[in-house]
Amino acid sequence: MAIPDLSSVDLSKANQMKCEKCDGSTFKQTLMLYKLSALLSPNGQETIIPAAVFACEKCGHVNSEFTQKSSIQS
């Protein structure tokens, strides 16, 4: 997946994201792990799949929109 060029984006038009739990505004990248059963795995073996998400630096909470499986990229 190519990374889009966002150098010309005007951030004054964007909304700053906040933590749902503590209202913090800084995040760190971390991983969530998903276990896929052997029955669903393409290779027929139980597999652990890492997915990058963002957690609040202040309290560690991961906003629900960051955990929607359809939007998680590994």
PDB file of N, CA and C in Angstrom:
ATOM      1  N   MET A   1       0.849  -1.175   0.000  1.00  0.00           N
ATOM      2  CA  MET A   1       0.000   0.000   0.000  1.00  0.00           C
ATOM      3  C   MET A   1       0.891   1.232   0.000  1.00  0.00           C
ATOM      4  N   ALA A   2       0.685   2.132  -0.962  1.00  0.00           N
ATOM      5  CA  ALA A   2       1.475   3.348  -1.065  1.00  0.00           C
ATOM      6  C   ALA A   2       1.018   4.368  -0.031  1.00  0.00           C
ATOM      7  N   ILE A   3       1.974   5.088   0.517  1.00  0.00           N
ATOM      8  CA  ILE A   3       1.662   6.141   1.486  1.00  0.00           C
ATOM      9  C   ILE A   3       1.332   7.406   0.705  1.00  0.00           C
ATOM     10  N   PRO A   4       0.141   7.987   0.944  1.00  0.00           N
ATOM     11  CA  PRO A   4      -0.236   9.186   0.197  1.00  0.00           C
ATOM     12  C   PRO A   4       0.612  10.391   0.624  1.00  0.00           C
ATOM     13  N   ASP A   5       0.835  11.324  -0.294  1.00  0.00           N
ATOM     14  CA  ASP A   5       1.568  12.550  -0.003  1.00  0.00           C
ATOM     15  C   ASP A   5       0.612  13.530   0.658  1.00  0.00           C
ATOM     16  N   LEU A   6       0.814  13.774   1.948  1.00  0.00           N
ATOM     17  CA  LEU A   6      -0.056  14.676   2.699  1.00  0.00           C
ATOM     18  C   LEU A   6       0.617  16.009   2.984  1.00  0.00           C
ATOM     19  N   SER A   7       1.721  16.307   2.303  1.00  0.00           N
ATOM     20  CA  SER A   7       2.486  17.521   2.582  1.00  0.00           C
ATOM     21  C   SER A   7       1.701  18.799   2.301  1.00  0.00           C
ATOM     22  N   SER A   8       0.720  18.746   1.428  1.00  0.00           N
ATOM     23  CA  SER A   8      -0.046  19.952   1.103  1.00  0.00           C
ATOM     24  C   SER A   8      -1.377  20.044   1.856  1.00  0.00           C
ATOM     25  N   VAL A   9      -1.617  19.137   2.793  1.00  0.00           N
ATOM     26  CA  VAL A   9      -2.872  19.141   3.550  1.00  0.00           C
ATOM     27  C   VAL A   9      -2.837  20.261   4.594  1.00  0.00           C
ATOM     28  N   ASP A  10      -3.893  21.050   4.665  1.00  0.00           N
ATOM     29  CA  ASP A  10      -4.006  22.136   5.639  1.00  0.00           C
ATOM     30  C   ASP A  10      -4.611  21.570   6.920  1.00  0.00           C
ATOM     31  N   LEU A  11      -3.775  21.342   7.950  1.00  0.00           N
ATOM     32  CA  LEU A  11      -4.254  20.735   9.197  1.00  0.00           C
ATOM     33  C   LEU A  11      -5.212  21.642   9.974  1.00  0.00           C
ATOM     34  N   SER A  12      -5.258  22.937   9.645  1.00  0.00           N
ATOM     35  CA  SER A  12      -6.215  23.818  10.321  1.00  0.00           C
ATOM     36  C   SER A  12      -7.649  23.458   9.950  1.00  0.00           C
ATOM     37  N   LYS A  13      -7.813  22.706   8.874  1.00  0.00           N
ATOM     38  CA  LYS A  13      -9.154  22.265   8.443  1.00  0.00           C
ATOM     39  C   LYS A  13      -9.516  20.890   9.010  1.00  0.00           C
ATOM     40  N   ALA A  14      -8.582  20.256   9.701  1.00  0.00           N
ATOM     41  CA  ALA A  14      -8.815  18.919  10.257  1.00  0.00           C
ATOM     42  C   ALA A  14      -9.179  19.013  11.734  1.00  0.00           C
ATOM     43  N   ASN A  15      -9.860  17.999  12.240  1.00  0.00           N
ATOM     44  CA  ASN A  15     -10.208  17.930  13.661  1.00  0.00           C
ATOM     45  C   ASN A  15      -9.146  17.109  14.389  1.00  0.00           C
ATOM     46  N   GLN A  16      -8.649  17.644  15.519  1.00  0.00           N
ATOM     47  CA  GLN A  16      -7.676  16.903  16.310  1.00  0.00           C
ATOM     48  C   GLN A  16      -8.387  15.783  17.046  1.00  0.00           C
ATOM     49  N   MET A  17      -7.797  14.604  17.002  1.00  0.00           N
ATOM     50  CA  MET A  17      -8.403  13.454  17.667  1.00  0.00           C
ATOM     51  C   MET A  17      -8.080  13.487  19.149  1.00  0.00           C
ATOM     52  N   LYS A  18      -9.015  13.022  19.955  1.00  0.00           N
ATOM     53  CA  LYS A  18      -8.868  12.985  21.412  1.00  0.00           C
ATOM     54  C   LYS A  18      -9.173  11.578  21.907  1.00  0.00           C
ATOM     55  N   CYS A  19      -8.596  11.233  23.046  1.00  0.00           N
ATOM     56  CA  CYS A  19      -8.872   9.958  23.684  1.00  0.00           C
ATOM     57  C   CYS A  19     -10.320   9.948  24.181  1.00  0.00           C
ATOM     58  N   GLU A  20     -11.033   8.862  23.923  1.00  0.00           N
ATOM     59  CA  GLU A  20     -12.427   8.724  24.373  1.00  0.00           C
ATOM     60  C   GLU A  20     -12.524   8.659  25.895  1.00  0.00           C
ATOM     61  N   LYS A  21     -11.451   8.210  26.541  1.00  0.00           N
ATOM     62  CA  LYS A  21     -11.489   7.975  27.982  1.00  0.00           C
ATOM     63  C   LYS A  21     -11.042   9.197  28.797  1.00  0.00           C
ATOM     64  N   CYS A  22      -9.902   9.802  28.423  1.00  0.00           N
ATOM     65  CA  CYS A  22      -9.346  10.871  29.266  1.00  0.00           C
ATOM     66  C   CYS A  22      -9.215  12.206  28.550  1.00  0.00           C
ATOM     67  N   ASP A  23      -9.587  12.273  27.275  1.00  0.00           N
ATOM     68  CA  ASP A  23      -9.508  13.483  26.462  1.00  0.00           C
ATOM     69  C   ASP A  23      -8.073  13.866  26.105  1.00  0.00           C
ATOM     70  N   GLY A  24      -7.128  12.947  26.289  1.00  0.00           N
ATOM     71  CA  GLY A  24      -5.743  13.207  25.887  1.00  0.00           C
ATOM     72  C   GLY A  24      -5.653  13.384  24.384  1.00  0.00           C
ATOM     73  N   SER A  25      -4.600  14.086  23.938  1.00  0.00           N
ATOM     74  CA  SER A  25      -4.502  14.365  22.504  1.00  0.00           C
ATOM     75  C   SER A  25      -3.221  13.837  21.864  1.00  0.00           C
ATOM     76  N   THR A  26      -2.451  13.031  22.592  1.00  0.00           N
ATOM     77  CA  THR A  26      -1.271  12.416  21.989  1.00  0.00           C
ATOM     78  C   THR A  26      -1.385  10.901  22.074  1.00  0.00           C
ATOM     79  N   PHE A  27      -0.893  10.235  21.036  1.00  0.00           N
ATOM     80  CA  PHE A  27      -1.034   8.788  20.910  1.00  0.00           C
ATOM     81  C   PHE A  27       0.303   8.162  20.576  1.00  0.00           C
ATOM     82  N   LYS A  28       0.453   6.891  20.909  1.00  0.00           N
ATOM     83  CA  LYS A  28       1.637   6.117  20.542  1.00  0.00           C
ATOM     84  C   LYS A  28       1.175   4.873  19.793  1.00  0.00           C
ATOM     85  N   GLN A  29       2.013   4.422  18.869  1.00  0.00           N
ATOM     86  CA  GLN A  29       1.660   3.228  18.107  1.00  0.00           C
ATOM     87  C   GLN A  29       1.977   1.993  18.936  1.00  0.00           C
ATOM     88  N   THR A  30       1.049   1.046  18.921  1.00  0.00           N
ATOM     89  CA  THR A  30       1.213  -0.209  19.634  1.00  0.00           C
ATOM     90  C   THR A  30       0.563  -1.309  18.804  1.00  0.00           C
ATOM     91  N   LEU A  31       0.597  -2.533  19.294  1.00  0.00           N
ATOM     92  CA  LEU A  31       0.034  -3.652  18.539  1.00  0.00           C
ATOM     93  C   LEU A  31      -1.103  -4.323  19.279  1.00  0.00           C
ATOM     94  N   MET A  32      -2.113  -4.747  18.528  1.00  0.00           N
ATOM     95  CA  MET A  32      -3.135  -5.650  19.031  1.00  0.00           C
ATOM     96  C   MET A  32      -2.870  -6.976  18.331  1.00  0.00           C
ATOM     97  N   LEU A  33      -3.085  -8.065  19.045  1.00  0.00           N
ATOM     98  CA  LEU A  33      -2.856  -9.382  18.474  1.00  0.00           C
ATOM     99  C   LEU A  33      -4.175 -10.122  18.329  1.00  0.00           C
ATOM    100  N   TYR A  34      -4.368 -10.733  17.174  1.00  0.00           N
ATOM    101  CA  TYR A  34      -5.564 -11.511  16.887  1.00  0.00           C
ATOM    102  C   TYR A  34      -5.144 -12.944  16.612  1.00  0.00           C
ATOM    103  N   LYS A  35      -5.891 -13.884  17.175  1.00  0.00           N
ATOM    104  CA  LYS A  35      -5.607 -15.299  16.948  1.00  0.00           C
ATOM    105  C   LYS A  35      -6.622 -15.839  15.954  1.00  0.00           C
ATOM    106  N   LEU A  36      -6.124 -16.405  14.873  1.00  0.00           N
ATOM    107  CA  LEU A  36      -6.962 -16.983  13.831  1.00  0.00           C
ATOM    108  C   LEU A  36      -6.894 -18.495  13.955  1.00  0.00           C
ATOM    109  N   SER A  37      -8.041 -19.126  14.068  1.00  0.00           N
ATOM    110  CA  SER A  37      -8.071 -20.574  14.248  1.00  0.00           C
ATOM    111  C   SER A  37      -7.549 -21.295  13.012  1.00  0.00           C
ATOM    112  N   ALA A  38      -7.103 -22.510  13.212  1.00  0.00           N
ATOM    113  CA  ALA A  38      -6.588 -23.322  12.115  1.00  0.00           C
ATOM    114  C   ALA A  38      -7.652 -23.540  11.035  1.00  0.00           C
ATOM    115  N   LEU A  39      -8.917 -23.590  11.440  1.00  0.00           N
ATOM    116  CA  LEU A  39     -10.000 -23.799  10.471  1.00  0.00           C
ATOM    117  C   LEU A  39     -10.147 -22.624   9.503  1.00  0.00           C
ATOM    118  N   LEU A  40      -9.815 -21.416   9.948  1.00  0.00           N
ATOM    119  CA  LEU A  40      -9.959 -20.226   9.105  1.00  0.00           C
ATOM    120  C   LEU A  40      -8.654 -19.775   8.472  1.00  0.00           C
ATOM    121  N   SER A  41      -7.552 -20.279   8.964  1.00  0.00           N
ATOM    122  CA  SER A  41      -6.237 -19.868   8.480  1.00  0.00           C
ATOM    123  C   SER A  41      -5.967 -20.410   7.086  1.00  0.00           C
ATOM    124  N   PRO A  42      -5.377 -19.608   6.207  1.00  0.00           N
ATOM    125  CA  PRO A  42      -5.088 -20.087   4.849  1.00  0.00           C
ATOM    126  C   PRO A  42      -4.088 -21.243   4.796  1.00  0.00           C
ATOM    127  N   ASN A  43      -3.238 -21.353   5.828  1.00  0.00           N
ATOM    128  CA  ASN A  43      -2.252 -22.446   5.813  1.00  0.00           C
ATOM    129  C   ASN A  43      -2.670 -23.630   6.689  1.00  0.00           C
ATOM    130  N   GLY A  44      -3.866 -23.558   7.269  1.00  0.00           N
ATOM    131  CA  GLY A  44      -4.377 -24.662   8.070  1.00  0.00           C
ATOM    132  C   GLY A  44      -3.784 -24.761   9.465  1.00  0.00           C
ATOM    133  N   GLN A  45      -3.011 -23.750   9.878  1.00  0.00           N
ATOM    134  CA  GLN A  45      -2.436 -23.737  11.220  1.00  0.00           C
ATOM    135  C   GLN A  45      -2.901 -22.501  11.968  1.00  0.00           C
ATOM    136  N   GLU A  46      -3.068 -22.642  13.291  1.00  0.00           N
ATOM    137  CA  GLU A  46      -3.433 -21.495  14.113  1.00  0.00           C
ATOM    138  C   GLU A  46      -2.393 -20.392  13.899  1.00  0.00           C
ATOM    139  N   THR A  47      -2.872 -19.175  13.713  1.00  0.00           N
ATOM    140  CA  THR A  47      -1.992 -18.061  13.381  1.00  0.00           C
ATOM    141  C   THR A  47      -2.280 -16.876  14.281  1.00  0.00           C
ATOM    142  N   ILE A  48      -1.228 -16.171  14.699  1.00  0.00           N
ATOM    143  CA  ILE A  48      -1.382 -14.923  15.439  1.00  0.00           C
ATOM    144  C   ILE A  48      -1.067 -13.788  14.473  1.00  0.00           C
ATOM    145  N   ILE A  49      -2.004 -12.834  14.378  1.00  0.00           N
ATOM    146  CA  ILE A  49      -1.873 -11.732  13.436  1.00  0.00           C
ATOM    147  C   ILE A  49      -1.706 -10.430  14.210  1.00  0.00           C
ATOM    148  N   PRO A  50      -0.591  -9.720  14.023  1.00  0.00           N
ATOM    149  CA  PRO A  50      -0.413  -8.420  14.673  1.00  0.00           C
ATOM    150  C   PRO A  50      -1.099  -7.323  13.860  1.00  0.00           C
ATOM    151  N   ALA A  51      -1.692  -6.352  14.550  1.00  0.00           N
ATOM    152  CA  ALA A  51      -2.329  -5.220  13.878  1.00  0.00           C
ATOM    153  C   ALA A  51      -1.925  -3.940  14.602  1.00  0.00           C
ATOM    154  N   ALA A  52      -1.388  -2.978  13.857  1.00  0.00           N
ATOM    155  CA  ALA A  52      -0.956  -1.708  14.437  1.00  0.00           C
ATOM    156  C   ALA A  52      -2.173  -0.854  14.798  1.00  0.00           C
ATOM    157  N   VAL A  53      -2.177  -0.305  16.011  1.00  0.00           N
ATOM    158  CA  VAL A  53      -3.222   0.609  16.474  1.00  0.00           C
ATOM    159  C   VAL A  53      -2.540   1.745  17.249  1.00  0.00           C
ATOM    160  N   PHE A  54      -3.315   2.746  17.643  1.00  0.00           N
ATOM    161  CA  PHE A  54      -2.797   3.870  18.418  1.00  0.00           C
ATOM    162  C   PHE A  54      -3.453   3.888  19.793  1.00  0.00           C
ATOM    163  N   ALA A  55      -2.617   4.028  20.842  1.00  0.00           N
ATOM    164  CA  ALA A  55      -3.091   4.090  22.223  1.00  0.00           C
ATOM    165  C   ALA A  55      -2.770   5.463  22.797  1.00  0.00           C
ATOM    166  N   CYS A  56      -3.630   5.973  23.644  1.00  0.00           N
ATOM    167  CA  CYS A  56      -3.411   7.266  24.299  1.00  0.00           C
ATOM    168  C   CYS A  56      -2.135   7.202  25.131  1.00  0.00           C
ATOM    169  N   GLU A  57      -1.269   8.193  24.983  1.00  0.00           N
ATOM    170  CA  GLU A  57      -0.028   8.214  25.768  1.00  0.00           C
ATOM    171  C   GLU A  57      -0.303   8.467  27.249  1.00  0.00           C
ATOM    172  N   LYS A  58      -1.397   9.158  27.545  1.00  0.00           N
ATOM    173  CA  LYS A  58      -1.709   9.510  28.931  1.00  0.00           C
ATOM    174  C   LYS A  58      -2.269   8.332  29.721  1.00  0.00           C
ATOM    175  N   CYS A  59      -3.242   7.605  29.140  1.00  0.00           N
ATOM    176  CA  CYS A  59      -3.921   6.558  29.913  1.00  0.00           C
ATOM    177  C   CYS A  59      -3.832   5.161  29.280  1.00  0.00           C
ATOM    178  N   GLY A  60      -3.338   5.061  28.047  1.00  0.00           N
ATOM    179  CA  GLY A  60      -3.194   3.759  27.396  1.00  0.00           C
ATOM    180  C   GLY A  60      -4.431   3.260  26.666  1.00  0.00           C
ATOM    181  N   HIS A  61      -5.523   3.997  26.720  1.00  0.00           N
ATOM    182  CA  HIS A  61      -6.776   3.586  26.072  1.00  0.00           C
ATOM    183  C   HIS A  61      -6.627   3.586  24.551  1.00  0.00           C
ATOM    184  N   VAL A  62      -7.273   2.620  23.891  1.00  0.00           N
ATOM    185  CA  VAL A  62      -7.333   2.564  22.428  1.00  0.00           C
ATOM    186  C   VAL A  62      -8.756   2.922  22.013  1.00  0.00           C
ATOM    187  N   ASN A  63      -8.919   4.031  21.304  1.00  0.00           N
ATOM    188  CA  ASN A  63     -10.251   4.465  20.868  1.00  0.00           C
ATOM    189  C   ASN A  63     -10.922   3.386  20.023  1.00  0.00           C
ATOM    190  N   SER A  64     -12.234   3.294  20.122  1.00  0.00           N
ATOM    191  CA  SER A  64     -12.974   2.254  19.407  1.00  0.00           C
ATOM    192  C   SER A  64     -12.790   2.350  17.896  1.00  0.00           C
ATOM    193  N   GLU A  65     -12.651   3.552  17.357  1.00  0.00           N
ATOM    194  CA  GLU A  65     -12.482   3.669  15.905  1.00  0.00           C
ATOM    195  C   GLU A  65     -11.136   3.114  15.440  1.00  0.00           C
ATOM    196  N   PHE A  66     -10.177   2.975  16.340  1.00  0.00           N
ATOM    197  CA  PHE A  66      -8.878   2.400  15.984  1.00  0.00           C
ATOM    198  C   PHE A  66      -8.907   0.867  16.017  1.00  0.00           C
ATOM    199  N   THR A  67      -9.941   0.290  16.583  1.00  0.00           N
ATOM    200  CA  THR A  67     -10.002  -1.170  16.712  1.00  0.00           C
ATOM    201  C   THR A  67     -11.016  -1.794  15.749  1.00  0.00           C
ATOM    202  N   GLN A  68     -11.617  -1.013  14.902  1.00  0.00           N
ATOM    203  CA  GLN A  68     -12.550  -1.582  13.913  1.00  0.00           C
ATOM    204  C   GLN A  68     -11.737  -2.447  12.965  1.00  0.00           C
ATOM    205  N   LYS A  69     -11.997  -3.715  12.968  1.00  0.00           N
ATOM    206  CA  LYS A  69     -11.174  -4.680  12.237  1.00  0.00           C
ATOM    207  C   LYS A  69     -11.101  -4.379  10.738  1.00  0.00           C
ATOM    208  N   SER A  70     -12.114  -3.732  10.198  1.00  0.00           N
ATOM    209  CA  SER A  70     -12.070  -3.433   8.771  1.00  0.00           C
ATOM    210  C   SER A  70     -11.091  -2.309   8.451  1.00  0.00           C
ATOM    211  N   SER A  71     -10.677  -1.527   9.480  1.00  0.00           N
ATOM    212  CA  SER A  71      -9.767  -0.419   9.220  1.00  0.00           C
ATOM    213  C   SER A  71      -8.349  -0.687   9.695  1.00  0.00           C
ATOM    214  N   ILE A  72      -8.104  -1.829  10.322  1.00  0.00           N
ATOM    215  CA  ILE A  72      -6.772  -2.138  10.858  1.00  0.00           C
ATOM    216  C   ILE A  72      -5.877  -2.666   9.745  1.00  0.00           C
ATOM    217  N   GLN A  73      -4.695  -2.103   9.638  1.00  0.00           N
ATOM    218  CA  GLN A  73      -3.690  -2.555   8.678  1.00  0.00           C
ATOM    219  C   GLN A  73      -2.566  -3.198   9.452  1.00  0.00           C
ATOM    220  N   SER A  74      -2.129  -4.367   9.050  1.00  0.00           N
ATOM    221  CA  SER A  74      -1.007  -5.000   9.740  1.00  0.00           C
ATOM    222  C   SER A  74       0.290  -4.685   9.043  1.00  0.00           C
TER     223      SER A  74
END
